[in-house]
Amino acid sequence: MHEVTVVNRGIACQLRGEDPNPLFSEQQQDENKFVIAPSSLTHQEALVAFKASIAEVREIVNGMSDEDMLAPRQSFFGEKPAYWVAQFVAIHTNYHNGQLNVIQGLGGDGKNNWF
């Protein structure tokens, strides 16, 4: 949840035309450069931050005109239209939802936990 939150905040930076790299450089990372949650982060704190990161992106997008949504932004994948950058919030989150669902399924939980 922490990594998704950081990526969402990075997307918010990109939508505002800001460089997200300082945000990532202040994060603890493993040897593969994957973001690691601070050991002191509680579940409740992570949940609040996660929801806030989504609200931040939503607020930016709601304030954009059609022209703004089509305007190019620098993204994690090169220059893309702003709407493409914004939709990566859902794509990235669902990717991790899928990972968790596979783990739950392997553990015997056959319920669809996405909803």
PDB file of N, CA and C in Angstrom:
ATOM      1  N   MET A   1       0.830  -1.181   0.000  1.00  0.00           N
ATOM      2  CA  MET A   1       0.000   0.000   0.000  1.00  0.00           C
ATOM      3  C   MET A   1       0.884   1.259   0.000  1.00  0.00           C
ATOM      4  N   HIS A   2       1.994   1.183   0.716  1.00  0.00           N
ATOM      5  CA  HIS A   2       2.890   2.345   0.769  1.00  0.00           C
ATOM      6  C   HIS A   2       3.475   2.647  -0.614  1.00  0.00           C
ATOM      7  N   GLU A   3       3.918   1.618  -1.311  1.00  0.00           N
ATOM      8  CA  GLU A   3       4.518   1.825  -2.641  1.00  0.00           C
ATOM      9  C   GLU A   3       3.488   2.414  -3.599  1.00  0.00           C
ATOM     10  N   VAL A   4       2.260   1.924  -3.562  1.00  0.00           N
ATOM     11  CA  VAL A   4       1.207   2.458  -4.422  1.00  0.00           C
ATOM     12  C   VAL A   4       0.944   3.921  -4.071  1.00  0.00           C
ATOM     13  N   THR A   5       0.950   4.242  -2.801  1.00  0.00           N
ATOM     14  CA  THR A   5       0.762   5.623  -2.358  1.00  0.00           C
ATOM     15  C   THR A   5       1.854   6.533  -2.915  1.00  0.00           C
ATOM     16  N   VAL A   6       3.095   6.077  -2.835  1.00  0.00           N
ATOM     17  CA  VAL A   6       4.213   6.889  -3.340  1.00  0.00           C
ATOM     18  C   VAL A   6       4.090   7.079  -4.848  1.00  0.00           C
ATOM     19  N   VAL A   7       3.747   6.018  -5.572  1.00  0.00           N
ATOM     20  CA  VAL A   7       3.566   6.144  -7.025  1.00  0.00           C
ATOM     21  C   VAL A   7       2.421   7.114  -7.328  1.00  0.00           C
ATOM     22  N   ASN A   8       1.312   7.006  -6.593  1.00  0.00           N
ATOM     23  CA  ASN A   8       0.198   7.946  -6.801  1.00  0.00           C
ATOM     24  C   ASN A   8       0.646   9.383  -6.582  1.00  0.00           C
ATOM     25  N   ARG A   9       1.417   9.610  -5.545  1.00  0.00           N
ATOM     26  CA  ARG A   9       1.922  10.967  -5.279  1.00  0.00           C
ATOM     27  C   ARG A   9       2.855  11.423  -6.402  1.00  0.00           C
ATOM     28  N   GLY A  10       3.644  10.483  -6.948  1.00  0.00           N
ATOM     29  CA  GLY A  10       4.502  10.793  -8.094  1.00  0.00           C
ATOM     30  C   GLY A  10       3.679  11.171  -9.314  1.00  0.00           C
ATOM     31  N   ILE A  11       2.579  10.475  -9.524  1.00  0.00           N
ATOM     32  CA  ILE A  11       1.679  10.796 -10.633  1.00  0.00           C
ATOM     33  C   ILE A  11       1.083  12.181 -10.434  1.00  0.00           C
ATOM     34  N   ALA A  12       0.720  12.511  -9.216  1.00  0.00           N
ATOM     35  CA  ALA A  12       0.207  13.862  -8.936  1.00  0.00           C
ATOM     36  C   ALA A  12       1.263  14.906  -9.304  1.00  0.00           C
ATOM     37  N   CYS A  13       2.506  14.647  -8.961  1.00  0.00           N
ATOM     38  CA  CYS A  13       3.599  15.560  -9.346  1.00  0.00           C
ATOM     39  C   CYS A  13       3.648  15.719 -10.859  1.00  0.00           C
ATOM     40  N   GLN A  14       3.598  14.599 -11.574  1.00  0.00           N
ATOM     41  CA  GLN A  14       3.677  14.646 -13.033  1.00  0.00           C
ATOM     42  C   GLN A  14       2.513  15.427 -13.624  1.00  0.00           C
ATOM     43  N   LEU A  15       1.320  15.245 -13.076  1.00  0.00           N
ATOM     44  CA  LEU A  15       0.156  15.962 -13.587  1.00  0.00           C
ATOM     45  C   LEU A  15       0.272  17.462 -13.358  1.00  0.00           C
ATOM     46  N   ARG A  16       0.976  17.844 -12.288  1.00  0.00           N
ATOM     47  CA  ARG A  16       1.202  19.272 -12.025  1.00  0.00           C
ATOM     48  C   ARG A  16       2.416  19.803 -12.793  1.00  0.00           C
ATOM     49  N   GLY A  17       3.113  18.925 -13.510  1.00  0.00           N
ATOM     50  CA  GLY A  17       4.305  19.334 -14.248  1.00  0.00           C
ATOM     51  C   GLY A  17       5.544  19.396 -13.376  1.00  0.00           C
ATOM     52  N   GLU A  18       5.510  18.729 -12.218  1.00  0.00           N
ATOM     53  CA  GLU A  18       6.639  18.713 -11.281  1.00  0.00           C
ATOM     54  C   GLU A  18       7.442  17.425 -11.444  1.00  0.00           C
ATOM     55  N   ASP A  19       8.671  17.463 -11.014  1.00  0.00           N
ATOM     56  CA  ASP A  19       9.552  16.301 -11.046  1.00  0.00           C
ATOM     57  C   ASP A  19       9.266  15.419  -9.832  1.00  0.00           C
ATOM     58  N   PRO A  20       8.881  14.148 -10.032  1.00  0.00           N
ATOM     59  CA  PRO A  20       8.604  13.273  -8.900  1.00  0.00           C
ATOM     60  C   PRO A  20       9.852  12.634  -8.287  1.00  0.00           C
ATOM     61  N   ASN A  21      11.001  12.804  -8.924  1.00  0.00           N
ATOM     62  CA  ASN A  21      12.213  12.126  -8.445  1.00  0.00           C
ATOM     63  C   ASN A  21      12.594  12.456  -7.008  1.00  0.00           C
ATOM     64  N   PRO A  22      12.475  13.709  -6.549  1.00  0.00           N
ATOM     65  CA  PRO A  22      12.791  13.967  -5.137  1.00  0.00           C
ATOM     66  C   PRO A  22      11.914  13.156  -4.180  1.00  0.00           C
ATOM     67  N   LEU A  23      10.664  12.949  -4.539  1.00  0.00           N
ATOM     68  CA  LEU A  23       9.762  12.146  -3.723  1.00  0.00           C
ATOM     69  C   LEU A  23      10.300  10.718  -3.575  1.00  0.00           C
ATOM     70  N   PHE A  24      10.768  10.154  -4.666  1.00  0.00           N
ATOM     71  CA  PHE A  24      11.273   8.780  -4.631  1.00  0.00           C
ATOM     72  C   PHE A  24      12.635   8.689  -3.956  1.00  0.00           C
ATOM     73  N   SER A  25      13.450   9.693  -4.114  1.00  0.00           N
ATOM     74  CA  SER A  25      14.787   9.637  -3.509  1.00  0.00           C
ATOM     75  C   SER A  25      14.732   9.698  -1.992  1.00  0.00           C
ATOM     76  N   GLU A  26      13.640  10.225  -1.439  1.00  0.00           N
ATOM     77  CA  GLU A  26      13.519  10.289   0.028  1.00  0.00           C
ATOM     78  C   GLU A  26      12.930   8.998   0.613  1.00  0.00           C
ATOM     79  N   GLN A  27      12.582   8.036  -0.247  1.00  0.00           N
ATOM     80  CA  GLN A  27      12.000   6.777   0.208  1.00  0.00           C
ATOM     81  C   GLN A  27      13.086   5.728   0.447  1.00  0.00           C
ATOM     82  N   GLN A  28      12.874   4.889   1.456  1.00  0.00           N
ATOM     83  CA  GLN A  28      13.748   3.743   1.657  1.00  0.00           C
ATOM     84  C   GLN A  28      13.490   2.766   0.521  1.00  0.00           C
ATOM     85  N   GLN A  29      14.567   2.199  -0.040  1.00  0.00           N
ATOM     86  CA  GLN A  29      14.439   1.283  -1.165  1.00  0.00           C
ATOM     87  C   GLN A  29      15.297   0.051  -0.930  1.00  0.00           C
ATOM     88  N   ASP A  30      14.896  -1.058  -1.569  1.00  0.00           N
ATOM     89  CA  ASP A  30      15.698  -2.276  -1.463  1.00  0.00           C
ATOM     90  C   ASP A  30      16.783  -2.272  -2.544  1.00  0.00           C
ATOM     91  N   GLU A  31      17.502  -3.369  -2.666  1.00  0.00           N
ATOM     92  CA  GLU A  31      18.608  -3.437  -3.631  1.00  0.00           C
ATOM     93  C   GLU A  31      18.129  -3.342  -5.073  1.00  0.00           C
ATOM     94  N   ASN A  32      16.846  -3.586  -5.321  1.00  0.00           N
ATOM     95  CA  ASN A  32      16.288  -3.469  -6.667  1.00  0.00           C
ATOM     96  C   ASN A  32      15.653  -2.102  -6.918  1.00  0.00           C
ATOM     97  N   LYS A  33      15.798  -1.204  -5.962  1.00  0.00           N
ATOM     98  CA  LYS A  33      15.244   0.158  -6.024  1.00  0.00           C
ATOM     99  C   LYS A  33      13.728   0.181  -5.864  1.00  0.00           C
ATOM    100  N   PHE A  34      13.157  -0.882  -5.253  1.00  0.00           N
ATOM    101  CA  PHE A  34      11.734  -0.882  -4.949  1.00  0.00           C
ATOM    102  C   PHE A  34      11.506  -0.168  -3.621  1.00  0.00           C
ATOM    103  N   VAL A  35      10.461   0.626  -3.558  1.00  0.00           N
ATOM    104  CA  VAL A  35      10.128   1.383  -2.359  1.00  0.00           C
ATOM    105  C   VAL A  35       9.740   0.425  -1.235  1.00  0.00           C
ATOM    106  N   ILE A  36      10.271   0.690  -0.051  1.00  0.00           N
ATOM    107  CA  ILE A  36       9.973  -0.104   1.145  1.00  0.00           C
ATOM    108  C   ILE A  36       9.273   0.809   2.147  1.00  0.00           C
ATOM    109  N   ALA A  37       8.199   0.303   2.722  1.00  0.00           N
ATOM    110  CA  ALA A  37       7.479   1.073   3.738  1.00  0.00           C
ATOM    111  C   ALA A  37       8.325   1.196   4.998  1.00  0.00           C
ATOM    112  N   PRO A  38       8.298   2.332   5.645  1.00  0.00           N
ATOM    113  CA  PRO A  38       9.008   2.466   6.925  1.00  0.00           C
ATOM    114  C   PRO A  38       8.474   1.447   7.929  1.00  0.00           C
ATOM    115  N   SER A  39       9.338   0.895   8.729  1.00  0.00           N
ATOM    116  CA  SER A  39       8.913  -0.124   9.700  1.00  0.00           C
ATOM    117  C   SER A  39       7.940   0.443  10.723  1.00  0.00           C
ATOM    118  N   SER A  40       7.958   1.739  10.914  1.00  0.00           N
ATOM    119  CA  SER A  40       7.063   2.363  11.896  1.00  0.00           C
ATOM    120  C   SER A  40       5.670   2.659  11.337  1.00  0.00           C
ATOM    121  N   LEU A  41       5.470   2.467  10.037  1.00  0.00           N
ATOM    122  CA  LEU A  41       4.186   2.784   9.410  1.00  0.00           C
ATOM    123  C   LEU A  41       3.116   1.789   9.847  1.00  0.00           C
ATOM    124  N   THR A  42       2.048   2.302  10.416  1.00  0.00           N
ATOM    125  CA  THR A  42       0.952   1.431  10.846  1.00  0.00           C
ATOM    126  C   THR A  42      -0.012   1.206   9.681  1.00  0.00           C
ATOM    127  N   HIS A  43      -0.839   0.178   9.825  1.00  0.00           N
ATOM    128  CA  HIS A  43      -1.851  -0.097   8.797  1.00  0.00           C
ATOM    129  C   HIS A  43      -2.770   1.103   8.629  1.00  0.00           C
ATOM    130  N   GLN A  44      -3.207   1.681   9.717  1.00  0.00           N
ATOM    131  CA  GLN A  44      -4.118   2.824   9.658  1.00  0.00           C
ATOM    132  C   GLN A  44      -3.456   4.018   8.965  1.00  0.00           C
ATOM    133  N   GLU A  45      -2.212   4.299   9.287  1.00  0.00           N
ATOM    134  CA  GLU A  45      -1.487   5.405   8.642  1.00  0.00           C
ATOM    135  C   GLU A  45      -1.345   5.150   7.140  1.00  0.00           C
ATOM    136  N   ALA A  46      -1.034   3.908   6.781  1.00  0.00           N
ATOM    137  CA  ALA A  46      -0.890   3.562   5.368  1.00  0.00           C
ATOM    138  C   ALA A  46      -2.206   3.729   4.632  1.00  0.00           C
ATOM    139  N   LEU A  47      -3.305   3.314   5.260  1.00  0.00           N
ATOM    140  CA  LEU A  47      -4.620   3.432   4.640  1.00  0.00           C
ATOM    141  C   LEU A  47      -5.010   4.893   4.440  1.00  0.00           C
ATOM    142  N   VAL A  48      -4.773   5.710   5.436  1.00  0.00           N
ATOM    143  CA  VAL A  48      -5.092   7.146   5.333  1.00  0.00           C
ATOM    144  C   VAL A  48      -4.264   7.796   4.215  1.00  0.00           C
ATOM    145  N   ALA A  49      -2.976   7.484   4.152  1.00  0.00           N
ATOM    146  CA  ALA A  49      -2.102   8.053   3.124  1.00  0.00           C
ATOM    147  C   ALA A  49      -2.506   7.573   1.732  1.00  0.00           C
ATOM    148  N   PHE A  50      -2.872   6.291   1.623  1.00  0.00           N
ATOM    149  CA  PHE A  50      -3.309   5.726   0.344  1.00  0.00           C
ATOM    150  C   PHE A  50      -4.544   6.461  -0.170  1.00  0.00           C
ATOM    151  N   LYS A  51      -5.538   6.612   0.690  1.00  0.00           N
ATOM    152  CA  LYS A  51      -6.764   7.312   0.291  1.00  0.00           C
ATOM    153  C   LYS A  51      -6.470   8.769  -0.068  1.00  0.00           C
ATOM    154  N   ALA A  52      -5.580   9.407   0.672  1.00  0.00           N
ATOM    155  CA  ALA A  52      -5.224  10.805   0.388  1.00  0.00           C
ATOM    156  C   ALA A  52      -4.530  10.929  -0.961  1.00  0.00           C
ATOM    157  N   SER A  53      -3.706   9.950  -1.312  1.00  0.00           N
ATOM    158  CA  SER A  53      -2.995  10.006  -2.598  1.00  0.00           C
ATOM    159  C   SER A  53      -3.969   9.907  -3.768  1.00  0.00           C
ATOM    160  N   ILE A  54      -5.010   9.092  -3.609  1.00  0.00           N
ATOM    161  CA  ILE A  54      -6.030   8.983  -4.658  1.00  0.00           C
ATOM    162  C   ILE A  54      -6.823  10.287  -4.740  1.00  0.00           C
ATOM    163  N   ALA A  55      -7.185  10.828  -3.598  1.00  0.00           N
ATOM    164  CA  ALA A  55      -7.928  12.094  -3.573  1.00  0.00           C
ATOM    165  C   ALA A  55      -7.119  13.221  -4.202  1.00  0.00           C
ATOM    166  N   GLU A  56      -5.805  13.220  -3.980  1.00  0.00           N
ATOM    167  CA  GLU A  56      -4.942  14.250  -4.560  1.00  0.00           C
ATOM    168  C   GLU A  56      -4.986  14.197  -6.085  1.00  0.00           C
ATOM    169  N   VAL A  57      -4.851  13.006  -6.647  1.00  0.00           N
ATOM    170  CA  VAL A  57      -4.899  12.864  -8.104  1.00  0.00           C
ATOM    171  C   VAL A  57      -6.289  13.229  -8.620  1.00  0.00           C
ATOM    172  N   ARG A  58      -7.320  12.769  -7.936  1.00  0.00           N
ATOM    173  CA  ARG A  58      -8.693  13.070  -8.355  1.00  0.00           C
ATOM    174  C   ARG A  58      -8.929  14.582  -8.387  1.00  0.00           C
ATOM    175  N   GLU A  59      -8.449  15.284  -7.374  1.00  0.00           N
ATOM    176  CA  GLU A  59      -8.635  16.735  -7.325  1.00  0.00           C
ATOM    177  C   GLU A  59      -7.941  17.421  -8.505  1.00  0.00           C
ATOM    178  N   ILE A  60      -6.749  16.973  -8.830  1.00  0.00           N
ATOM    179  CA  ILE A  60      -6.019  17.552  -9.967  1.00  0.00           C
ATOM    180  C   ILE A  60      -6.792  17.311 -11.255  1.00  0.00           C
ATOM    181  N   VAL A  61      -7.217  16.060 -11.460  1.00  0.00           N
ATOM    182  CA  VAL A  61      -7.933  15.710 -12.690  1.00  0.00           C
ATOM    183  C   VAL A  61      -9.252  16.461 -12.793  1.00  0.00           C
ATOM    184  N   ASN A  62      -9.984  16.567 -11.689  1.00  0.00           N
ATOM    185  CA  ASN A  62     -11.262  17.285 -11.718  1.00  0.00           C
ATOM    186  C   ASN A  62     -11.083  18.751 -12.090  1.00  0.00           C
ATOM    187  N   GLY A  63      -9.913  19.307 -11.835  1.00  0.00           N
ATOM    188  CA  GLY A  63      -9.653  20.702 -12.164  1.00  0.00           C
ATOM    189  C   GLY A  63      -9.091  20.917 -13.561  1.00  0.00           C
ATOM    190  N   MET A  64      -8.931  19.848 -14.320  1.00  0.00           N
ATOM    191  CA  MET A  64      -8.335  19.957 -15.650  1.00  0.00           C
ATOM    192  C   MET A  64      -9.401  20.114 -16.729  1.00  0.00           C
ATOM    193  N   SER A  65      -9.097  20.944 -17.699  1.00  0.00           N
ATOM    194  CA  SER A  65      -9.969  21.076 -18.869  1.00  0.00           C
ATOM    195  C   SER A  65      -9.686  19.922 -19.829  1.00  0.00           C
ATOM    196  N   ASP A  66     -10.527  19.807 -20.857  1.00  0.00           N
ATOM    197  CA  ASP A  66     -10.284  18.786 -21.876  1.00  0.00           C
ATOM    198  C   ASP A  66      -8.915  18.978 -22.523  1.00  0.00           C
ATOM    199  N   GLU A  67      -8.557  20.213 -22.763  1.00  0.00           N
ATOM    200  CA  GLU A  67      -7.258  20.506 -23.375  1.00  0.00           C
ATOM    201  C   GLU A  67      -6.114  20.082 -22.449  1.00  0.00           C
ATOM    202  N   ASP A  68      -6.284  20.353 -21.146  1.00  0.00           N
ATOM    203  CA  ASP A  68      -5.269  19.930 -20.169  1.00  0.00           C
ATOM    204  C   ASP A  68      -5.118  18.414 -20.163  1.00  0.00           C
ATOM    205  N   MET A  69      -6.239  17.707 -20.258  1.00  0.00           N
ATOM    206  CA  MET A  69      -6.194  16.242 -20.223  1.00  0.00           C
ATOM    207  C   MET A  69      -5.449  15.667 -21.423  1.00  0.00           C
ATOM    208  N   LEU A  70      -5.474  16.385 -22.535  1.00  0.00           N
ATOM    209  CA  LEU A  70      -4.785  15.915 -23.744  1.00  0.00           C
ATOM    210  C   LEU A  70      -3.352  16.415 -23.837  1.00  0.00           C
ATOM    211  N   ALA A  71      -3.002  17.379 -23.006  1.00  0.00           N
ATOM    212  CA  ALA A  71      -1.665  17.972 -23.061  1.00  0.00           C
ATOM    213  C   ALA A  71      -0.616  16.962 -22.592  1.00  0.00           C
ATOM    214  N   PRO A  72       0.559  16.990 -23.220  1.00  0.00           N
ATOM    215  CA  PRO A  72       1.606  16.039 -22.826  1.00  0.00           C
ATOM    216  C   PRO A  72       2.177  16.337 -21.442  1.00  0.00           C
ATOM    217  N   ARG A  73       2.469  15.247 -20.738  1.00  0.00           N
ATOM    218  CA  ARG A  73       3.135  15.320 -19.438  1.00  0.00           C
ATOM    219  C   ARG A  73       4.271  14.308 -19.453  1.00  0.00           C
ATOM    220  N   GLN A  74       5.299  14.603 -18.730  1.00  0.00           N
ATOM    221  CA  GLN A  74       6.363  13.631 -18.544  1.00  0.00           C
ATOM    222  C   GLN A  74       5.848  12.575 -17.577  1.00  0.00           C
ATOM    223  N   SER A  75       5.984  11.308 -17.928  1.00  0.00           N
ATOM    224  CA  SER A  75       5.499  10.233 -17.069  1.00  0.00           C
ATOM    225  C   SER A  75       6.646   9.272 -16.772  1.00  0.00           C
ATOM    226  N   PHE A  76       6.333   8.230 -15.993  1.00  0.00           N
ATOM    227  CA  PHE A  76       7.319   7.188 -15.715  1.00  0.00           C
ATOM    228  C   PHE A  76       7.701   6.452 -16.996  1.00  0.00           C
ATOM    229  N   PHE A  77       6.900   6.609 -18.054  1.00  0.00           N
ATOM    230  CA  PHE A  77       7.096   5.894 -19.320  1.00  0.00           C
ATOM    231  C   PHE A  77       7.362   6.843 -20.480  1.00  0.00           C
ATOM    232  N   GLY A  78       7.877   8.013 -20.197  1.00  0.00           N
ATOM    233  CA  GLY A  78       8.115   9.005 -21.233  1.00  0.00           C
ATOM    234  C   GLY A  78       6.934   9.954 -21.341  1.00  0.00           C
ATOM    235  N   GLU A  79       6.930  10.750 -22.374  1.00  0.00           N
ATOM    236  CA  GLU A  79       5.879  11.750 -22.542  1.00  0.00           C
ATOM    237  C   GLU A  79       4.580  11.081 -22.970  1.00  0.00           C
ATOM    238  N   LYS A  80       3.512  11.389 -22.226  1.00  0.00           N
ATOM    239  CA  LYS A  80       2.176  10.833 -22.483  1.00  0.00           C
ATOM    240  C   LYS A  80       1.142  11.929 -22.228  1.00  0.00           C
ATOM    241  N   PRO A  81      -0.069  11.777 -22.808  1.00  0.00           N
ATOM    242  CA  PRO A  81      -1.132  12.739 -22.483  1.00  0.00           C
ATOM    243  C   PRO A  81      -1.483  12.659 -20.990  1.00  0.00           C
ATOM    244  N   ALA A  82      -1.915  13.763 -20.439  1.00  0.00           N
ATOM    245  CA  ALA A  82      -2.216  13.823 -19.001  1.00  0.00           C
ATOM    246  C   ALA A  82      -3.231  12.765 -18.591  1.00  0.00           C
ATOM    247  N   TYR A  83      -4.265  12.516 -19.438  1.00  0.00           N
ATOM    248  CA  TYR A  83      -5.253  11.495 -19.056  1.00  0.00           C
ATOM    249  C   TYR A  83      -4.595  10.128 -18.911  1.00  0.00           C
ATOM    250  N   TRP A  84      -3.581   9.827 -19.733  1.00  0.00           N
ATOM    251  CA  TRP A  84      -2.877   8.541 -19.665  1.00  0.00           C
ATOM    252  C   TRP A  84      -2.100   8.457 -18.351  1.00  0.00           C
ATOM    253  N   VAL A  85      -1.454   9.549 -17.999  1.00  0.00           N
ATOM    254  CA  VAL A  85      -0.704   9.594 -16.737  1.00  0.00           C
ATOM    255  C   VAL A  85      -1.666   9.360 -15.569  1.00  0.00           C
ATOM    256  N   ALA A  86      -2.807  10.026 -15.590  1.00  0.00           N
ATOM    257  CA  ALA A  86      -3.782   9.899 -14.492  1.00  0.00           C
ATOM    258  C   ALA A  86      -4.342   8.482 -14.388  1.00  0.00           C
ATOM    259  N   GLN A  87      -4.616   7.853 -15.514  1.00  0.00           N
ATOM    260  CA  GLN A  87      -5.211   6.517 -15.453  1.00  0.00           C
ATOM    261  C   GLN A  87      -4.233   5.469 -14.941  1.00  0.00           C
ATOM    262  N   PHE A  88      -2.947   5.801 -14.899  1.00  0.00           N
ATOM    263  CA  PHE A  88      -1.981   4.847 -14.380  1.00  0.00           C
ATOM    264  C   PHE A  88      -2.212   4.572 -12.885  1.00  0.00           C
ATOM    265  N   VAL A  89      -2.885   5.488 -12.193  1.00  0.00           N
ATOM    266  CA  VAL A  89      -3.248   5.236 -10.787  1.00  0.00           C
ATOM    267  C   VAL A  89      -4.059   3.948 -10.701  1.00  0.00           C
ATOM    268  N   ALA A  90      -5.069   3.810 -11.545  1.00  0.00           N
ATOM    269  CA  ALA A  90      -5.913   2.606 -11.525  1.00  0.00           C
ATOM    270  C   ALA A  90      -5.157   1.389 -12.032  1.00  0.00           C
ATOM    271  N   ILE A  91      -4.392   1.546 -13.093  1.00  0.00           N
ATOM    272  CA  ILE A  91      -3.654   0.416 -13.671  1.00  0.00           C
ATOM    273  C   ILE A  91      -2.675  -0.152 -12.651  1.00  0.00           C
ATOM    274  N   HIS A  92      -1.915   0.703 -12.021  1.00  0.00           N
ATOM    275  CA  HIS A  92      -0.892   0.269 -11.068  1.00  0.00           C
ATOM    276  C   HIS A  92      -1.528  -0.363  -9.832  1.00  0.00           C
ATOM    277  N   THR A  93      -2.594   0.253  -9.326  1.00  0.00           N
ATOM    278  CA  THR A  93      -3.281  -0.294  -8.156  1.00  0.00           C
ATOM    279  C   THR A  93      -3.871  -1.665  -8.465  1.00  0.00           C
ATOM    280  N   ASN A  94      -4.494  -1.804  -9.630  1.00  0.00           N
ATOM    281  CA  ASN A  94      -5.086  -3.091  -9.997  1.00  0.00           C
ATOM    282  C   ASN A  94      -4.032  -4.166 -10.224  1.00  0.00           C
ATOM    283  N   TYR A  95      -2.882  -3.784 -10.695  1.00  0.00           N
ATOM    284  CA  TYR A  95      -1.771  -4.732 -10.829  1.00  0.00           C
ATOM    285  C   TYR A  95      -1.454  -5.349  -9.465  1.00  0.00           C
ATOM    286  N   HIS A  96      -1.350  -4.512  -8.450  1.00  0.00           N
ATOM    287  CA  HIS A  96      -1.055  -5.020  -7.104  1.00  0.00           C
ATOM    288  C   HIS A  96      -2.251  -5.765  -6.510  1.00  0.00           C
ATOM    289  N   ASN A  97      -3.480  -5.338  -6.832  1.00  0.00           N
ATOM    290  CA  ASN A  97      -4.655  -6.101  -6.410  1.00  0.00           C
ATOM    291  C   ASN A  97      -4.583  -7.524  -6.950  1.00  0.00           C
ATOM    292  N   GLY A  98      -4.182  -7.655  -8.211  1.00  0.00           N
ATOM    293  CA  GLY A  98      -4.048  -8.974  -8.819  1.00  0.00           C
ATOM    294  C   GLY A  98      -3.015  -9.822  -8.113  1.00  0.00           C
ATOM    295  N   GLN A  99      -1.885  -9.217  -7.763  1.00  0.00           N
ATOM    296  CA  GLN A  99      -0.856  -9.958  -7.024  1.00  0.00           C
ATOM    297  C   GLN A  99      -1.414 -10.493  -5.713  1.00  0.00           C
ATOM    298  N   LEU A 100      -2.108  -9.635  -4.983  1.00  0.00           N
ATOM    299  CA  LEU A 100      -2.672 -10.059  -3.701  1.00  0.00           C
ATOM    300  C   LEU A 100      -3.721 -11.149  -3.885  1.00  0.00           C
ATOM    301  N   ASN A 101      -4.520 -11.041  -4.938  1.00  0.00           N
ATOM    302  CA  ASN A 101      -5.542 -12.051  -5.185  1.00  0.00           C
ATOM    303  C   ASN A 101      -4.909 -13.412  -5.473  1.00  0.00           C
ATOM    304  N   VAL A 102      -3.817 -13.438  -6.223  1.00  0.00           N
ATOM    305  CA  VAL A 102      -3.120 -14.702  -6.499  1.00  0.00           C
ATOM    306  C   VAL A 102      -2.588 -15.297  -5.202  1.00  0.00           C
ATOM    307  N   ILE A 103      -1.972 -14.468  -4.376  1.00  0.00           N
ATOM    308  CA  ILE A 103      -1.430 -14.953  -3.098  1.00  0.00           C
ATOM    309  C   ILE A 103      -2.558 -15.509  -2.226  1.00  0.00           C
ATOM    310  N   GLN A 104      -3.673 -14.785  -2.173  1.00  0.00           N
ATOM    311  CA  GLN A 104      -4.809 -15.261  -1.376  1.00  0.00           C
ATOM    312  C   GLN A 104      -5.344 -16.579  -1.925  1.00  0.00           C
ATOM    313  N   GLY A 105      -5.421 -16.679  -3.250  1.00  0.00           N
ATOM    314  CA  GLY A 105      -5.895 -17.910  -3.868  1.00  0.00           C
ATOM    315  C   GLY A 105      -4.981 -19.085  -3.591  1.00  0.00           C
ATOM    316  N   LEU A 106      -3.688 -18.855  -3.667  1.00  0.00           N
ATOM    317  CA  LEU A 106      -2.728 -19.927  -3.368  1.00  0.00           C
ATOM    318  C   LEU A 106      -2.844 -20.379  -1.915  1.00  0.00           C
ATOM    319  N   GLY A 107      -3.280 -19.476  -1.067  1.00  0.00           N
ATOM    320  CA  GLY A 107      -3.458 -19.797   0.349  1.00  0.00           C
ATOM    321  C   GLY A 107      -4.813 -20.411   0.647  1.00  0.00           C
ATOM    322  N   GLY A 108      -5.627 -20.644  -0.382  1.00  0.00           N
ATOM    323  CA  GLY A 108      -6.908 -21.302  -0.184  1.00  0.00           C
ATOM    324  C   GLY A 108      -8.110 -20.377  -0.146  1.00  0.00           C
ATOM    325  N   ASP A 109      -7.892 -19.080  -0.268  1.00  0.00           N
ATOM    326  CA  ASP A 109      -8.999 -18.114  -0.247  1.00  0.00           C
ATOM    327  C   ASP A 109      -9.500 -17.922  -1.682  1.00  0.00           C
ATOM    328  N   GLY A 110     -10.611 -18.581  -2.022  1.00  0.00           N
ATOM    329  CA  GLY A 110     -11.137 -18.509  -3.366  1.00  0.00           C
ATOM    330  C   GLY A 110     -12.078 -17.344  -3.620  1.00  0.00           C
ATOM    331  N   LYS A 111     -12.315 -16.520  -2.608  1.00  0.00           N
ATOM    332  CA  LYS A 111     -13.207 -15.387  -2.726  1.00  0.00           C
ATOM    333  C   LYS A 111     -12.554 -14.289  -3.573  1.00  0.00           C
ATOM    334  N   ASN A 112     -13.357 -13.602  -4.366  1.00  0.00           N
ATOM    335  CA  ASN A 112     -12.864 -12.437  -5.112  1.00  0.00           C
ATOM    336  C   ASN A 112     -12.751 -11.287  -4.120  1.00  0.00           C
ATOM    337  N   ASN A 113     -11.544 -10.918  -3.775  1.00  0.00           N
ATOM    338  CA  ASN A 113     -11.305  -9.884  -2.765  1.00  0.00           C
ATOM    339  C   ASN A 113     -11.108  -8.494  -3.370  1.00  0.00           C
ATOM    340  N   TRP A 114     -11.394  -8.339  -4.651  1.00  0.00           N
ATOM    341  CA  TRP A 114     -11.193  -7.049  -5.300  1.00  0.00           C
ATOM    342  C   TRP A 114     -12.306  -6.069  -4.998  1.00  0.00           C
ATOM    343  N   PHE A 115     -13.461  -6.582  -4.599  1.00  0.00           N
ATOM    344  CA  PHE A 115     -14.622  -5.697  -4.449  1.00  0.00           C
ATOM    345  C   PHE A 115     -14.953  -5.514  -2.992  1.00  0.00           C
TER     346      PHE A 115
END
